[in-house]
Amino acid sequence: LIDVHPSISFELSEKLRLDIDNDIFWRYTHND
């Protein structure tokens, strides 16, 4: 696997959090 994973999170309040992330996947080699 090759994985590139940017993310961002927000503390909307002391008890509430929002997480957003985007994973982009490739096979490391096409022979597996």
PDB file of all heavy atoms in Angstrom:
ATOM      1  N   LEU A   1       0.816  -1.208   0.000  1.00  0.00           N
ATOM      2  CA  LEU A   1       0.000   0.000   0.000  1.00  0.00           C
ATOM      3  C   LEU A   1       0.853   1.262   0.000  1.00  0.00           C
ATOM      4  O   LEU A   1       1.907   1.316   0.617  1.00  0.00           O
ATOM      5  CB  LEU A   1      -0.880  -0.010   1.258  1.00  0.00           C
ATOM      6  CG  LEU A   1      -2.152   0.829   1.253  1.00  0.00           C
ATOM      7  CD1 LEU A   1      -3.151   0.300   0.231  1.00  0.00           C
ATOM      8  CD2 LEU A   1      -2.783   0.816   2.644  1.00  0.00           C
ATOM      9  N   ILE A   2       0.352   2.258  -0.726  1.00  0.00           N
ATOM     10  CA  ILE A   2       0.818   3.641  -0.603  1.00  0.00           C
ATOM     11  C   ILE A   2      -0.390   4.445  -0.155  1.00  0.00           C
ATOM     12  O   ILE A   2      -1.459   4.375  -0.777  1.00  0.00           O
ATOM     13  CB  ILE A   2       1.375   4.190  -1.924  1.00  0.00           C
ATOM     14  CG1 ILE A   2       2.581   3.371  -2.388  1.00  0.00           C
ATOM     15  CG2 ILE A   2       1.767   5.662  -1.773  1.00  0.00           C
ATOM     16  CD1 ILE A   2       3.112   3.788  -3.751  1.00  0.00           C
ATOM     17  N   ASP A   3      -0.226   5.196   0.906  1.00  0.00           N
ATOM     18  CA  ASP A   3      -1.350   5.917   1.506  1.00  0.00           C
ATOM     19  C   ASP A   3      -0.941   7.357   1.779  1.00  0.00           C
ATOM     20  O   ASP A   3       0.076   7.612   2.430  1.00  0.00           O
ATOM     21  CB  ASP A   3      -1.766   5.216   2.808  1.00  0.00           C
ATOM     22  CG  ASP A   3      -2.715   6.057   3.646  1.00  0.00           C
ATOM     23  OD1 ASP A   3      -3.637   6.649   3.058  1.00  0.00           O
ATOM     24  OD2 ASP A   3      -2.519   6.126   4.872  1.00  0.00           O
ATOM     25  N   VAL A   4      -1.743   8.295   1.291  1.00  0.00           N
ATOM     26  CA  VAL A   4      -1.571   9.715   1.606  1.00  0.00           C
ATOM     27  C   VAL A   4      -2.847  10.177   2.290  1.00  0.00           C
ATOM     28  O   VAL A   4      -3.947  10.003   1.753  1.00  0.00           O
ATOM     29  CB  VAL A   4      -1.291  10.556   0.347  1.00  0.00           C
ATOM     30  CG1 VAL A   4      -1.164  12.027   0.718  1.00  0.00           C
ATOM     31  CG2 VAL A   4      -0.025  10.070  -0.347  1.00  0.00           C
ATOM     32  N   HIS A   5      -2.701  10.768   3.481  1.00  0.00           N
ATOM     33  CA  HIS A   5      -3.850  10.945   4.359  1.00  0.00           C
ATOM     34  C   HIS A   5      -3.850  12.338   4.997  1.00  0.00           C
ATOM     35  O   HIS A   5      -3.385  12.519   6.124  1.00  0.00           O
ATOM     36  CB  HIS A   5      -3.792   9.843   5.431  1.00  0.00           C
ATOM     37  CG  HIS A   5      -4.925   9.843   6.390  1.00  0.00           C
ATOM     38  ND1 HIS A   5      -5.015   8.956   7.427  1.00  0.00           N
ATOM     39  CD2 HIS A   5      -6.031  10.626   6.498  1.00  0.00           C
ATOM     40  CE1 HIS A   5      -6.113   9.189   8.129  1.00  0.00           C
ATOM     41  NE2 HIS A   5      -6.736  10.205   7.583  1.00  0.00           N
ATOM     42  N   PRO A   6      -4.382  13.373   4.318  1.00  0.00           N
ATOM     43  CA  PRO A   6      -4.559  14.673   4.957  1.00  0.00           C
ATOM     44  C   PRO A   6      -5.806  14.677   5.834  1.00  0.00           C
ATOM     45  O   PRO A   6      -6.774  13.953   5.562  1.00  0.00           O
ATOM     46  CB  PRO A   6      -4.712  15.631   3.770  1.00  0.00           C
ATOM     47  CG  PRO A   6      -5.275  14.782   2.679  1.00  0.00           C
ATOM     48  CD  PRO A   6      -4.726  13.392   2.884  1.00  0.00           C
ATOM     49  N   SER A   7      -5.780  15.493   6.890  1.00  0.00           N
ATOM     50  CA  SER A   7      -6.921  15.539   7.801  1.00  0.00           C
ATOM     51  C   SER A   7      -7.025  16.910   8.445  1.00  0.00           C
ATOM     52  O   SER A   7      -6.068  17.694   8.463  1.00  0.00           O
ATOM     53  CB  SER A   7      -6.783  14.473   8.896  1.00  0.00           C
ATOM     54  OG  SER A   7      -5.648  14.738   9.703  1.00  0.00           O
ATOM     55  N   ILE A   8      -8.211  17.200   8.985  1.00  0.00           N
ATOM     56  CA  ILE A   8      -8.430  18.420   9.750  1.00  0.00           C
ATOM     57  C   ILE A   8      -9.492  18.129  10.802  1.00  0.00           C
ATOM     58  O   ILE A   8     -10.420  17.356  10.564  1.00  0.00           O
ATOM     59  CB  ILE A   8      -8.859  19.602   8.846  1.00  0.00           C
ATOM     60  CG1 ILE A   8      -8.924  20.893   9.659  1.00  0.00           C
ATOM     61  CG2 ILE A   8     -10.190  19.309   8.143  1.00  0.00           C
ATOM     62  CD1 ILE A   8      -9.095  22.138   8.811  1.00  0.00           C
ATOM     63  N   SER A   9      -9.321  18.707  11.979  1.00  0.00           N
ATOM     64  CA  SER A   9     -10.313  18.544  13.041  1.00  0.00           C
ATOM     65  C   SER A   9     -10.598  19.898  13.675  1.00  0.00           C
ATOM     66  O   SER A   9      -9.738  20.798  13.674  1.00  0.00           O
ATOM     67  CB  SER A   9      -9.825  17.554  14.100  1.00  0.00           C
ATOM     68  OG  SER A   9      -8.677  18.041  14.761  1.00  0.00           O
ATOM     69  N   PHE A  10     -11.815  20.035  14.203  1.00  0.00           N
ATOM     70  CA  PHE A  10     -12.250  21.285  14.820  1.00  0.00           C
ATOM     71  C   PHE A  10     -12.833  20.987  16.197  1.00  0.00           C
ATOM     72  O   PHE A  10     -13.603  20.038  16.371  1.00  0.00           O
ATOM     73  CB  PHE A  10     -13.321  21.980  13.974  1.00  0.00           C
ATOM     74  CG  PHE A  10     -12.887  22.324  12.580  1.00  0.00           C
ATOM     75  CD1 PHE A  10     -13.140  21.450  11.529  1.00  0.00           C
ATOM     76  CD2 PHE A  10     -12.227  23.513  12.315  1.00  0.00           C
ATOM     77  CE1 PHE A  10     -12.752  21.759  10.241  1.00  0.00           C
ATOM     78  CE2 PHE A  10     -11.835  23.834  11.030  1.00  0.00           C
ATOM     79  CZ  PHE A  10     -12.088  22.961   9.989  1.00  0.00           C
ATOM     80  N   GLU A  11     -12.475  21.809  17.160  1.00  0.00           N
ATOM     81  CA  GLU A  11     -13.068  21.731  18.492  1.00  0.00           C
ATOM     82  C   GLU A  11     -14.243  22.697  18.528  1.00  0.00           C
ATOM     83  O   GLU A  11     -14.096  23.870  18.848  1.00  0.00           O
ATOM     84  CB  GLU A  11     -12.031  22.074  19.555  1.00  0.00           C
ATOM     85  CG  GLU A  11     -12.483  21.791  20.974  1.00  0.00           C
ATOM     86  CD  GLU A  11     -11.405  22.073  22.000  1.00  0.00           C
ATOM     87  OE1 GLU A  11     -10.325  21.454  21.896  1.00  0.00           O
ATOM     88  OE2 GLU A  11     -11.640  22.921  22.878  1.00  0.00           O
ATOM     89  N   LEU A  12     -15.432  22.191  18.162  1.00  0.00           N
ATOM     90  CA  LEU A  12     -16.608  23.047  18.056  1.00  0.00           C
ATOM     91  C   LEU A  12     -17.040  23.578  19.415  1.00  0.00           C
ATOM     92  O   LEU A  12     -17.609  24.666  19.515  1.00  0.00           O
ATOM     93  CB  LEU A  12     -17.751  22.269  17.404  1.00  0.00           C
ATOM     94  CG  LEU A  12     -17.445  21.687  16.013  1.00  0.00           C
ATOM     95  CD1 LEU A  12     -18.660  20.958  15.461  1.00  0.00           C
ATOM     96  CD2 LEU A  12     -16.981  22.776  15.054  1.00  0.00           C
ATOM     97  N   SER A  13     -16.813  22.792  20.450  1.00  0.00           N
ATOM     98  CA  SER A  13     -17.030  23.231  21.821  1.00  0.00           C
ATOM     99  C   SER A  13     -16.127  22.386  22.709  1.00  0.00           C
ATOM    100  O   SER A  13     -15.372  21.535  22.219  1.00  0.00           O
ATOM    101  CB  SER A  13     -18.504  23.070  22.227  1.00  0.00           C
ATOM    102  OG  SER A  13     -18.834  21.704  22.372  1.00  0.00           O
ATOM    103  N   GLU A  14     -16.214  22.603  24.003  1.00  0.00           N
ATOM    104  CA  GLU A  14     -15.359  21.860  24.922  1.00  0.00           C
ATOM    105  C   GLU A  14     -15.618  20.354  24.833  1.00  0.00           C
ATOM    106  O   GLU A  14     -14.729  19.538  25.070  1.00  0.00           O
ATOM    107  CB  GLU A  14     -15.595  22.347  26.352  1.00  0.00           C
ATOM    108  CG  GLU A  14     -14.681  21.711  27.380  1.00  0.00           C
ATOM    109  CD  GLU A  14     -14.960  22.209  28.788  1.00  0.00           C
ATOM    110  OE1 GLU A  14     -15.753  23.155  28.929  1.00  0.00           O
ATOM    111  OE2 GLU A  14     -14.382  21.638  29.735  1.00  0.00           O
ATOM    112  N   LYS A  15     -16.838  19.970  24.437  1.00  0.00           N
ATOM    113  CA  LYS A  15     -17.219  18.562  24.442  1.00  0.00           C
ATOM    114  C   LYS A  15     -17.552  18.009  23.061  1.00  0.00           C
ATOM    115  O   LYS A  15     -17.883  16.833  22.926  1.00  0.00           O
ATOM    116  CB  LYS A  15     -18.430  18.362  25.364  1.00  0.00           C
ATOM    117  CG  LYS A  15     -18.169  18.780  26.800  1.00  0.00           C
ATOM    118  CD  LYS A  15     -19.402  18.653  27.666  1.00  0.00           C
ATOM    119  CE  LYS A  15     -19.115  19.086  29.102  1.00  0.00           C
ATOM    120  NZ  LYS A  15     -20.307  18.988  29.977  1.00  0.00           N
ATOM    121  N   LEU A  16     -17.459  18.848  22.037  1.00  0.00           N
ATOM    122  CA  LEU A  16     -17.863  18.427  20.689  1.00  0.00           C
ATOM    123  C   LEU A  16     -16.727  18.653  19.700  1.00  0.00           C
ATOM    124  O   LEU A  16     -16.180  19.765  19.615  1.00  0.00           O
ATOM    125  CB  LEU A  16     -19.099  19.212  20.249  1.00  0.00           C
ATOM    126  CG  LEU A  16     -19.736  18.812  18.918  1.00  0.00           C
ATOM    127  CD1 LEU A  16     -20.287  17.391  18.981  1.00  0.00           C
ATOM    128  CD2 LEU A  16     -20.853  19.795  18.549  1.00  0.00           C
ATOM    129  N   ARG A  17     -16.354  17.601  18.949  1.00  0.00           N
ATOM    130  CA  ARG A  17     -15.265  17.691  17.982  1.00  0.00           C
ATOM    131  C   ARG A  17     -15.703  17.137  16.635  1.00  0.00           C
ATOM    132  O   ARG A  17     -16.447  16.157  16.549  1.00  0.00           O
ATOM    133  CB  ARG A  17     -14.051  16.913  18.486  1.00  0.00           C
ATOM    134  CG  ARG A  17     -12.793  17.153  17.668  1.00  0.00           C
ATOM    135  CD  ARG A  17     -11.571  16.434  18.201  1.00  0.00           C
ATOM    136  NE  ARG A  17     -11.497  15.062  17.714  1.00  0.00           N
ATOM    137  CZ  ARG A  17     -11.609  13.993  18.474  1.00  0.00           C
ATOM    138  NH1 ARG A  17     -11.828  14.124  19.777  1.00  0.00           N
ATOM    139  NH2 ARG A  17     -11.504  12.784  17.965  1.00  0.00           N
ATOM    140  N   LEU A  18     -15.199  17.761  15.574  1.00  0.00           N
ATOM    141  CA  LEU A  18     -15.469  17.311  14.207  1.00  0.00           C
ATOM    142  C   LEU A  18     -14.159  16.928  13.544  1.00  0.00           C
ATOM    143  O   LEU A  18     -13.222  17.725  13.492  1.00  0.00           O
ATOM    144  CB  LEU A  18     -16.155  18.416  13.396  1.00  0.00           C
ATOM    145  CG  LEU A  18     -16.376  18.135  11.899  1.00  0.00           C
ATOM    146  CD1 LEU A  18     -17.330  16.964  11.697  1.00  0.00           C
ATOM    147  CD2 LEU A  18     -16.889  19.388  11.190  1.00  0.00           C
ATOM    148  N   ASP A  19     -14.082  15.704  13.039  1.00  0.00           N
ATOM    149  CA  ASP A  19     -12.900  15.214  12.326  1.00  0.00           C
ATOM    150  C   ASP A  19     -13.252  14.968  10.867  1.00  0.00           C
ATOM    151  O   ASP A  19     -14.291  14.364  10.562  1.00  0.00           O
ATOM    152  CB  ASP A  19     -12.403  13.897  12.937  1.00  0.00           C
ATOM    153  CG  ASP A  19     -11.901  14.056  14.355  1.00  0.00           C
ATOM    154  OD1 ASP A  19     -11.550  15.184  14.730  1.00  0.00           O
ATOM    155  OD2 ASP A  19     -11.877  13.043  15.086  1.00  0.00           O
ATOM    156  N   ILE A  20     -12.385  15.419   9.965  1.00  0.00           N
ATOM    157  CA  ILE A  20     -12.560  15.176   8.528  1.00  0.00           C
ATOM    158  C   ILE A  20     -11.219  14.720   7.968  1.00  0.00           C
ATOM    159  O   ILE A  20     -10.186  15.354   8.220  1.00  0.00           O
ATOM    160  CB  ILE A  20     -13.023  16.451   7.782  1.00  0.00           C
ATOM    161  CG1 ILE A  20     -14.348  16.967   8.372  1.00  0.00           C
ATOM    162  CG2 ILE A  20     -13.175  16.173   6.297  1.00  0.00           C
ATOM    163  CD1 ILE A  20     -14.766  18.313   7.802  1.00  0.00           C
ATOM    164  N   ASP A  21     -11.217  13.621   7.244  1.00  0.00           N
ATOM    165  CA  ASP A  21      -9.960  13.179   6.630  1.00  0.00           C
ATOM    166  C   ASP A  21     -10.230  12.520   5.287  1.00  0.00           C
ATOM    167  O   ASP A  21     -11.328  12.044   5.008  1.00  0.00           O
ATOM    168  CB  ASP A  21      -9.200  12.228   7.557  1.00  0.00           C
ATOM    169  CG  ASP A  21     -10.007  11.008   7.941  1.00  0.00           C
ATOM    170  OD1 ASP A  21     -10.104  10.085   7.123  1.00  0.00           O
ATOM    171  OD2 ASP A  21     -10.531  10.976   9.069  1.00  0.00           O
ATOM    172  N   ASN A  22      -9.206  12.512   4.475  1.00  0.00           N
ATOM    173  CA  ASN A  22      -9.302  11.940   3.137  1.00  0.00           C
ATOM    174  C   ASN A  22      -8.097  11.026   2.906  1.00  0.00           C
ATOM    175  O   ASN A  22      -6.960  11.485   2.945  1.00  0.00           O
ATOM    176  CB  ASN A  22      -9.334  13.044   2.080  1.00  0.00           C
ATOM    177  CG  ASN A  22      -9.475  12.486   0.671  1.00  0.00           C
ATOM    178  OD1 ASN A  22     -10.192  11.515   0.466  1.00  0.00           O
ATOM    179  ND2 ASN A  22      -8.791  13.093  -0.284  1.00  0.00           N
ATOM    180  N   ASP A  23      -8.364   9.734   2.708  1.00  0.00           N
ATOM    181  CA  ASP A  23      -7.309   8.762   2.433  1.00  0.00           C
ATOM    182  C   ASP A  23      -7.260   8.477   0.939  1.00  0.00           C
ATOM    183  O   ASP A  23      -8.296   8.205   0.316  1.00  0.00           O
ATOM    184  CB  ASP A  23      -7.582   7.440   3.172  1.00  0.00           C
ATOM    185  CG  ASP A  23      -6.902   7.402   4.527  1.00  0.00           C
ATOM    186  OD1 ASP A  23      -5.723   7.737   4.589  1.00  0.00           O
ATOM    187  OD2 ASP A  23      -7.570   7.043   5.509  1.00  0.00           O
ATOM    188  N   ILE A  24      -6.054   8.517   0.377  1.00  0.00           N
ATOM    189  CA  ILE A  24      -5.861   8.180  -1.032  1.00  0.00           C
ATOM    190  C   ILE A  24      -4.963   6.945  -1.079  1.00  0.00           C
ATOM    191  O   ILE A  24      -3.863   6.952  -0.523  1.00  0.00           O
ATOM    192  CB  ILE A  24      -5.213   9.346  -1.797  1.00  0.00           C
ATOM    193  CG1 ILE A  24      -5.985  10.646  -1.531  1.00  0.00           C
ATOM    194  CG2 ILE A  24      -5.186   9.054  -3.301  1.00  0.00           C
ATOM    195  CD1 ILE A  24      -5.285  11.884  -2.030  1.00  0.00           C
ATOM    196  N   PHE A  25      -5.450   5.875  -1.720  1.00  0.00           N
ATOM    197  CA  PHE A  25      -4.768   4.581  -1.691  1.00  0.00           C
ATOM    198  C   PHE A  25      -4.321   4.138  -3.090  1.00  0.00           C
ATOM    199  O   PHE A  25      -5.086   4.254  -4.055  1.00  0.00           O
ATOM    200  CB  PHE A  25      -5.691   3.489  -1.142  1.00  0.00           C
ATOM    201  CG  PHE A  25      -6.214   3.745   0.247  1.00  0.00           C
ATOM    202  CD1 PHE A  25      -7.531   4.102   0.451  1.00  0.00           C
ATOM    203  CD2 PHE A  25      -5.382   3.603   1.353  1.00  0.00           C
ATOM    204  CE1 PHE A  25      -8.028   4.307   1.727  1.00  0.00           C
ATOM    205  CE2 PHE A  25      -5.862   3.814   2.632  1.00  0.00           C
ATOM    206  CZ  PHE A  25      -7.187   4.171   2.818  1.00  0.00           C
ATOM    207  N   TRP A  26      -3.103   3.607  -3.128  1.00  0.00           N
ATOM    208  CA  TRP A  26      -2.596   2.901  -4.305  1.00  0.00           C
ATOM    209  C   TRP A  26      -1.978   1.582  -3.852  1.00  0.00           C
ATOM    210  O   TRP A  26      -1.513   1.471  -2.712  1.00  0.00           O
ATOM    211  CB  TRP A  26      -1.495   3.701  -5.016  1.00  0.00           C
ATOM    212  CG  TRP A  26      -1.889   5.014  -5.583  1.00  0.00           C
ATOM    213  CD1 TRP A  26      -2.298   5.292  -6.864  1.00  0.00           C
ATOM    214  CD2 TRP A  26      -1.873   6.285  -4.905  1.00  0.00           C
ATOM    215  NE1 TRP A  26      -2.539   6.633  -7.013  1.00  0.00           N
ATOM    216  CE2 TRP A  26      -2.297   7.266  -5.822  1.00  0.00           C
ATOM    217  CE3 TRP A  26      -1.557   6.666  -3.597  1.00  0.00           C
ATOM    218  CZ2 TRP A  26      -2.395   8.604  -5.486  1.00  0.00           C
ATOM    219  CZ3 TRP A  26      -1.670   7.999  -3.251  1.00  0.00           C
ATOM    220  CH2 TRP A  26      -2.078   8.953  -4.187  1.00  0.00           C
ATOM    221  N   ARG A  27      -1.947   0.599  -4.725  1.00  0.00           N
ATOM    222  CA  ARG A  27      -1.117  -0.580  -4.458  1.00  0.00           C
ATOM    223  C   ARG A  27       0.344  -0.195  -4.633  1.00  0.00           C
ATOM    224  O   ARG A  27       0.698   0.512  -5.586  1.00  0.00           O
ATOM    225  CB  ARG A  27      -1.466  -1.719  -5.419  1.00  0.00           C
ATOM    226  CG  ARG A  27      -2.783  -2.400  -5.157  1.00  0.00           C
ATOM    227  CD  ARG A  27      -2.917  -3.653  -6.014  1.00  0.00           C
ATOM    228  NE  ARG A  27      -2.899  -3.369  -7.434  1.00  0.00           N
ATOM    229  CZ  ARG A  27      -2.621  -4.250  -8.405  1.00  0.00           C
ATOM    230  NH1 ARG A  27      -2.311  -5.498  -8.074  1.00  0.00           N
ATOM    231  NH2 ARG A  27      -2.649  -3.915  -9.672  1.00  0.00           N
ATOM    232  N   TYR A  28       1.196  -0.685  -3.736  1.00  0.00           N
ATOM    233  CA  TYR A  28       2.623  -0.386  -3.847  1.00  0.00           C
ATOM    234  C   TYR A  28       3.214  -1.008  -5.110  1.00  0.00           C
ATOM    235  O   TYR A  28       4.013  -0.391  -5.802  1.00  0.00           O
ATOM    236  CB  TYR A  28       3.358  -0.884  -2.600  1.00  0.00           C
ATOM    237  CG  TYR A  28       4.850  -0.712  -2.665  1.00  0.00           C
ATOM    238  CD1 TYR A  28       5.432   0.521  -2.430  1.00  0.00           C
ATOM    239  CD2 TYR A  28       5.676  -1.791  -2.978  1.00  0.00           C
ATOM    240  CE1 TYR A  28       6.802   0.688  -2.501  1.00  0.00           C
ATOM    241  CE2 TYR A  28       7.054  -1.636  -3.049  1.00  0.00           C
ATOM    242  CZ  TYR A  28       7.605  -0.398  -2.810  1.00  0.00           C
ATOM    243  OH  TYR A  28       8.967  -0.236  -2.896  1.00  0.00           O
ATOM    244  N   THR A  29       2.816  -2.252  -5.398  1.00  0.00           N
ATOM    245  CA  THR A  29       3.247  -2.904  -6.629  1.00  0.00           C
ATOM    246  C   THR A  29       2.053  -3.606  -7.273  1.00  0.00           C
ATOM    247  O   THR A  29       1.205  -4.160  -6.565  1.00  0.00           O
ATOM    248  CB  THR A  29       4.376  -3.918  -6.366  1.00  0.00           C
ATOM    249  OG1 THR A  29       4.625  -4.678  -7.553  1.00  0.00           O
ATOM    250  CG2 THR A  29       4.015  -4.882  -5.257  1.00  0.00           C
ATOM    251  N   HIS A  30       2.000  -3.604  -8.590  1.00  0.00           N
ATOM    252  CA  HIS A  30       0.860  -4.209  -9.277  1.00  0.00           C
ATOM    253  C   HIS A  30       0.947  -5.739  -9.317  1.00  0.00           C
ATOM    254  O   HIS A  30      -0.002  -6.402  -9.743  1.00  0.00           O
ATOM    255  CB  HIS A  30       0.735  -3.660 -10.708  1.00  0.00           C
ATOM    256  CG  HIS A  30       1.869  -4.047 -11.607  1.00  0.00           C
ATOM    257  ND1 HIS A  30       2.967  -3.245 -11.809  1.00  0.00           N
ATOM    258  CD2 HIS A  30       2.069  -5.154 -12.365  1.00  0.00           C
ATOM    259  CE1 HIS A  30       3.793  -3.833 -12.654  1.00  0.00           C
ATOM    260  NE2 HIS A  30       3.270  -4.998 -13.006  1.00  0.00           N
ATOM    261  N   ASN A  31       2.068  -6.303  -8.849  1.00  0.00           N
ATOM    262  CA  ASN A  31       2.211  -7.763  -8.831  1.00  0.00           C
ATOM    263  C   ASN A  31       1.734  -8.399  -7.523  1.00  0.00           C
ATOM    264  O   ASN A  31       1.900  -9.603  -7.322  1.00  0.00           O
ATOM    265  CB  ASN A  31       3.673  -8.151  -9.076  1.00  0.00           C
ATOM    266  CG  ASN A  31       4.069  -7.962 -10.522  1.00  0.00           C
ATOM    267  OD1 ASN A  31       3.286  -8.249 -11.430  1.00  0.00           O
ATOM    268  ND2 ASN A  31       5.269  -7.456 -10.746  1.00  0.00           N
ATOM    269  N   ASP A  32       1.158  -7.603  -6.638  1.00  0.00           N
ATOM    270  CA  ASP A  32       0.600  -8.117  -5.386  1.00  0.00           C
ATOM    271  C   ASP A  32      -0.841  -7.629  -5.272  1.00  0.00           C
ATOM    272  O   ASP A  32      -1.257  -6.673  -5.946  1.00  0.00           O
ATOM    273  CB  ASP A  32       1.428  -7.640  -4.190  1.00  0.00           C
ATOM    274  CG  ASP A  32       1.283  -8.556  -2.974  1.00  0.00           C
ATOM    275  OD1 ASP A  32       0.344  -9.381  -2.965  1.00  0.00           O
ATOM    276  OD2 ASP A  32       2.100  -8.433  -2.050  1.00  0.00           O
TER     277      ASP A  32
END
